[in-house]
N, C-alpha and C. Protein backbone atom coordinates (compact mmCIF):
# COMPACT_ATOMS: atom_id res chain seq x y z
N MET A 1 84.71 103.32 121.53
CA MET A 1 85.49 102.11 121.34
C MET A 1 84.62 100.98 120.80
N GLY A 2 83.41 100.84 121.35
CA GLY A 2 82.52 99.77 120.91
C GLY A 2 82.08 99.93 119.47
N SER A 3 81.78 101.17 119.06
CA SER A 3 81.35 101.38 117.68
C SER A 3 82.50 101.12 116.70
N TYR A 4 83.72 101.36 117.14
CA TYR A 4 84.89 101.08 116.30
C TYR A 4 85.00 99.57 116.05
N ILE A 5 84.81 98.78 117.09
CA ILE A 5 84.91 97.32 116.97
C ILE A 5 83.79 96.78 116.09
N VAL A 6 82.58 97.28 116.29
CA VAL A 6 81.44 96.85 115.47
C VAL A 6 81.67 97.25 114.01
N GLY A 7 82.18 98.45 113.78
CA GLY A 7 82.48 98.89 112.41
C GLY A 7 83.52 98.03 111.75
N ARG A 8 84.59 97.68 112.46
CA ARG A 8 85.64 96.81 111.91
C ARG A 8 85.08 95.41 111.63
N PHE A 9 84.19 94.92 112.51
CA PHE A 9 83.57 93.62 112.33
C PHE A 9 82.75 93.59 111.05
N PHE A 10 81.88 94.58 110.87
CA PHE A 10 81.07 94.64 109.66
C PHE A 10 81.93 94.91 108.43
N ASN A 11 82.99 95.69 108.57
CA ASN A 11 83.91 95.92 107.47
C ASN A 11 84.54 94.60 107.01
N PHE A 12 84.92 93.76 107.97
CA PHE A 12 85.52 92.47 107.63
C PHE A 12 84.52 91.54 106.96
N ILE A 13 83.31 91.46 107.50
CA ILE A 13 82.28 90.60 106.89
C ILE A 13 81.94 91.09 105.48
N GLY A 14 81.75 92.40 105.33
CA GLY A 14 81.42 92.96 104.01
C GLY A 14 82.56 92.80 103.02
N GLY A 15 83.79 93.03 103.47
CA GLY A 15 84.95 92.86 102.59
C GLY A 15 85.13 91.42 102.17
N THR A 16 84.89 90.50 103.09
CA THR A 16 85.00 89.08 102.77
C THR A 16 83.92 88.67 101.77
N THR A 17 82.72 89.16 101.96
CA THR A 17 81.62 88.88 101.03
C THR A 17 81.94 89.44 99.65
N ARG A 18 82.42 90.68 99.61
CA ARG A 18 82.77 91.29 98.32
C ARG A 18 83.92 90.55 97.65
N TRP A 19 84.89 90.08 98.45
CA TRP A 19 86.02 89.35 97.90
C TRP A 19 85.57 88.02 97.29
N LEU A 20 84.69 87.28 98.00
CA LEU A 20 84.18 86.01 97.47
C LEU A 20 83.41 86.24 96.17
N TRP A 21 82.50 87.19 96.20
CA TRP A 21 81.70 87.49 95.01
C TRP A 21 82.59 87.99 93.87
N GLY A 22 83.51 88.91 94.18
CA GLY A 22 84.39 89.47 93.15
C GLY A 22 85.33 88.44 92.56
N SER A 23 85.82 87.51 93.37
CA SER A 23 86.70 86.47 92.86
C SER A 23 85.99 85.57 91.86
N ILE A 24 84.77 85.17 92.18
CA ILE A 24 83.99 84.33 91.27
C ILE A 24 83.65 85.11 90.01
N TYR A 25 83.14 86.31 90.19
CA TYR A 25 82.72 87.16 89.07
C TYR A 25 83.89 87.46 88.13
N ARG A 26 85.02 87.85 88.69
CA ARG A 26 86.17 88.20 87.88
C ARG A 26 86.84 86.99 87.25
N THR A 27 86.72 85.82 87.86
CA THR A 27 87.24 84.60 87.24
C THR A 27 86.42 84.24 86.02
N VAL A 28 85.11 84.31 86.15
CA VAL A 28 84.22 83.97 85.04
C VAL A 28 84.44 84.93 83.87
N LEU A 29 84.57 86.22 84.17
CA LEU A 29 84.73 87.21 83.10
C LEU A 29 86.18 87.47 82.71
N ARG A 30 87.12 86.75 83.34
CA ARG A 30 88.55 86.86 83.07
C ARG A 30 89.05 88.30 83.19
N LYS A 31 88.69 88.92 84.29
CA LYS A 31 89.16 90.28 84.59
C LYS A 31 90.24 90.21 85.65
N LYS A 32 90.93 91.33 85.85
CA LYS A 32 91.96 91.42 86.87
C LYS A 32 91.32 91.25 88.25
N LYS A 33 91.92 90.38 89.06
CA LYS A 33 91.39 90.15 90.40
C LYS A 33 92.09 91.07 91.40
N PHE A 34 91.35 91.44 92.44
CA PHE A 34 91.92 92.21 93.53
C PHE A 34 92.23 91.26 94.68
N THR A 35 93.17 91.64 95.52
CA THR A 35 93.52 90.82 96.66
C THR A 35 92.49 91.00 97.77
N PHE A 36 92.51 90.09 98.72
CA PHE A 36 91.63 90.19 99.88
C PHE A 36 91.89 91.49 100.63
N TRP A 37 93.15 91.84 100.78
CA TRP A 37 93.55 93.07 101.48
C TRP A 37 92.94 94.31 100.80
N GLU A 38 92.89 94.31 99.48
CA GLU A 38 92.31 95.45 98.75
C GLU A 38 90.80 95.55 98.98
N TYR A 39 90.13 94.43 99.10
CA TYR A 39 88.70 94.49 99.38
C TYR A 39 88.43 95.00 100.79
N ILE A 40 89.30 94.69 101.74
CA ILE A 40 89.12 95.15 103.11
C ILE A 40 89.52 96.61 103.27
N ASN A 41 90.65 97.01 102.69
CA ASN A 41 91.22 98.33 102.96
C ASN A 41 91.23 99.28 101.76
N GLY A 42 90.76 98.86 100.61
CA GLY A 42 90.78 99.71 99.44
C GLY A 42 91.94 99.37 98.52
N PRO A 43 91.90 99.84 97.29
CA PRO A 43 92.96 99.56 96.32
C PRO A 43 94.32 100.08 96.77
N LYS A 44 95.39 99.50 96.20
CA LYS A 44 96.75 99.87 96.56
C LYS A 44 97.26 101.08 95.77
N GLU A 45 96.39 101.81 95.16
CA GLU A 45 96.79 102.98 94.37
C GLU A 45 97.15 104.15 95.26
N LYS A 46 98.15 104.91 94.86
CA LYS A 46 98.54 106.09 95.64
C LYS A 46 97.52 107.22 95.48
N ASN A 47 96.87 107.28 94.36
CA ASN A 47 95.94 108.35 94.04
C ASN A 47 94.50 107.92 94.29
N TYR A 48 94.28 107.13 95.32
CA TYR A 48 92.97 106.60 95.64
C TYR A 48 92.14 107.68 96.33
N TYR A 49 90.97 107.96 95.83
CA TYR A 49 90.20 109.12 96.27
C TYR A 49 89.01 108.79 97.18
N ASP A 50 88.59 107.55 97.26
CA ASP A 50 87.35 107.25 97.96
C ASP A 50 87.56 106.23 99.07
N GLU A 51 88.49 106.50 99.94
CA GLU A 51 88.81 105.56 101.02
C GLU A 51 87.64 105.40 101.99
N MET A 52 86.97 106.47 102.30
CA MET A 52 85.86 106.43 103.25
C MET A 52 84.65 105.69 102.67
N GLY A 53 84.37 105.89 101.40
CA GLY A 53 83.24 105.22 100.76
C GLY A 53 83.44 103.72 100.65
N HIS A 54 84.67 103.30 100.46
CA HIS A 54 84.97 101.88 100.35
C HIS A 54 84.63 101.16 101.67
N GLY A 55 85.06 101.71 102.78
CA GLY A 55 84.74 101.12 104.08
C GLY A 55 83.26 101.16 104.39
N LEU A 56 82.59 102.21 103.97
CA LEU A 56 81.15 102.32 104.18
C LEU A 56 80.41 101.22 103.41
N ASN A 57 80.82 100.98 102.17
CA ASN A 57 80.22 99.89 101.40
C ASN A 57 80.40 98.55 102.10
N ASN A 58 81.61 98.31 102.60
CA ASN A 58 81.87 97.06 103.33
C ASN A 58 80.97 96.94 104.55
N ARG A 59 80.81 98.03 105.28
CA ARG A 59 79.99 97.98 106.50
C ARG A 59 78.53 97.73 106.19
N ILE A 60 78.02 98.35 105.14
CA ILE A 60 76.62 98.15 104.75
C ILE A 60 76.40 96.71 104.31
N ILE A 61 77.27 96.21 103.45
CA ILE A 61 77.15 94.83 102.98
C ILE A 61 77.32 93.86 104.14
N GLY A 62 78.26 94.15 105.04
CA GLY A 62 78.48 93.30 106.20
C GLY A 62 77.26 93.23 107.10
N ALA A 63 76.61 94.37 107.33
CA ALA A 63 75.40 94.39 108.17
C ALA A 63 74.27 93.61 107.50
N VAL A 64 74.11 93.78 106.20
CA VAL A 64 73.06 93.06 105.48
C VAL A 64 73.31 91.55 105.55
N VAL A 65 74.53 91.13 105.30
CA VAL A 65 74.86 89.70 105.36
C VAL A 65 74.67 89.17 106.77
N PHE A 66 75.12 89.92 107.75
CA PHE A 66 75.02 89.48 109.14
C PHE A 66 73.57 89.28 109.56
N PHE A 67 72.72 90.24 109.25
CA PHE A 67 71.34 90.17 109.72
C PHE A 67 70.44 89.30 108.85
N THR A 68 70.83 88.98 107.63
CA THR A 68 69.98 88.13 106.79
C THR A 68 70.47 86.70 106.68
N ILE A 69 71.73 86.44 107.00
CA ILE A 69 72.26 85.08 106.87
C ILE A 69 72.78 84.53 108.19
N ILE A 70 73.64 85.25 108.85
CA ILE A 70 74.33 84.71 110.02
C ILE A 70 73.40 84.60 111.23
N ILE A 71 72.63 85.63 111.53
CA ILE A 71 71.71 85.58 112.67
C ILE A 71 70.67 84.48 112.51
N PRO A 72 69.99 84.36 111.37
CA PRO A 72 69.05 83.25 111.22
C PRO A 72 69.73 81.88 111.31
N LEU A 73 70.95 81.77 110.80
CA LEU A 73 71.68 80.51 110.88
C LEU A 73 72.00 80.16 112.33
N ILE A 74 72.40 81.13 113.11
CA ILE A 74 72.66 80.90 114.53
C ILE A 74 71.38 80.47 115.24
N ASN A 75 70.25 81.09 114.93
CA ASN A 75 68.97 80.72 115.53
C ASN A 75 68.56 79.30 115.17
N ILE A 76 68.77 78.89 113.92
CA ILE A 76 68.44 77.53 113.49
C ILE A 76 69.29 76.52 114.25
N ILE A 77 70.58 76.79 114.34
CA ILE A 77 71.48 75.88 115.06
C ILE A 77 71.11 75.83 116.55
N ASP A 78 70.83 76.98 117.13
CA ASP A 78 70.46 77.04 118.55
C ASP A 78 69.18 76.25 118.80
N ASN A 79 68.17 76.43 117.96
CA ASN A 79 66.92 75.69 118.12
C ASN A 79 67.11 74.19 117.92
N TYR A 80 68.00 73.82 117.02
CA TYR A 80 68.26 72.41 116.78
C TYR A 80 68.83 71.75 118.04
N TYR A 81 69.80 72.38 118.65
CA TYR A 81 70.42 71.79 119.84
C TYR A 81 69.58 71.97 121.11
N ARG A 82 68.76 72.99 121.15
CA ARG A 82 67.93 73.23 122.32
C ARG A 82 66.80 72.20 122.42
N TYR A 83 66.18 71.84 121.29
CA TYR A 83 65.03 70.95 121.30
C TYR A 83 65.36 69.54 120.85
N ARG A 84 66.57 69.17 120.96
CA ARG A 84 67.02 67.85 120.56
C ARG A 84 66.72 66.81 121.56
């Protein structure tokens, strides 16, 4: 149960990161944009073949973002209020 929750958490962070990056990238290049839901759960195509890989990408990106941005940011904020 715990690994499921952690996986969904990283999937959400990774999907959100991909959605932000993809929205900016696709706006600049004037390409078709995907919805937030598609970044989290995969494309809305019936013939979609890589459902498992999509979630894995989100989890990897989510873990990288979490450990390189969010954790250090929490530590900076914590130290700021602790030694104030």
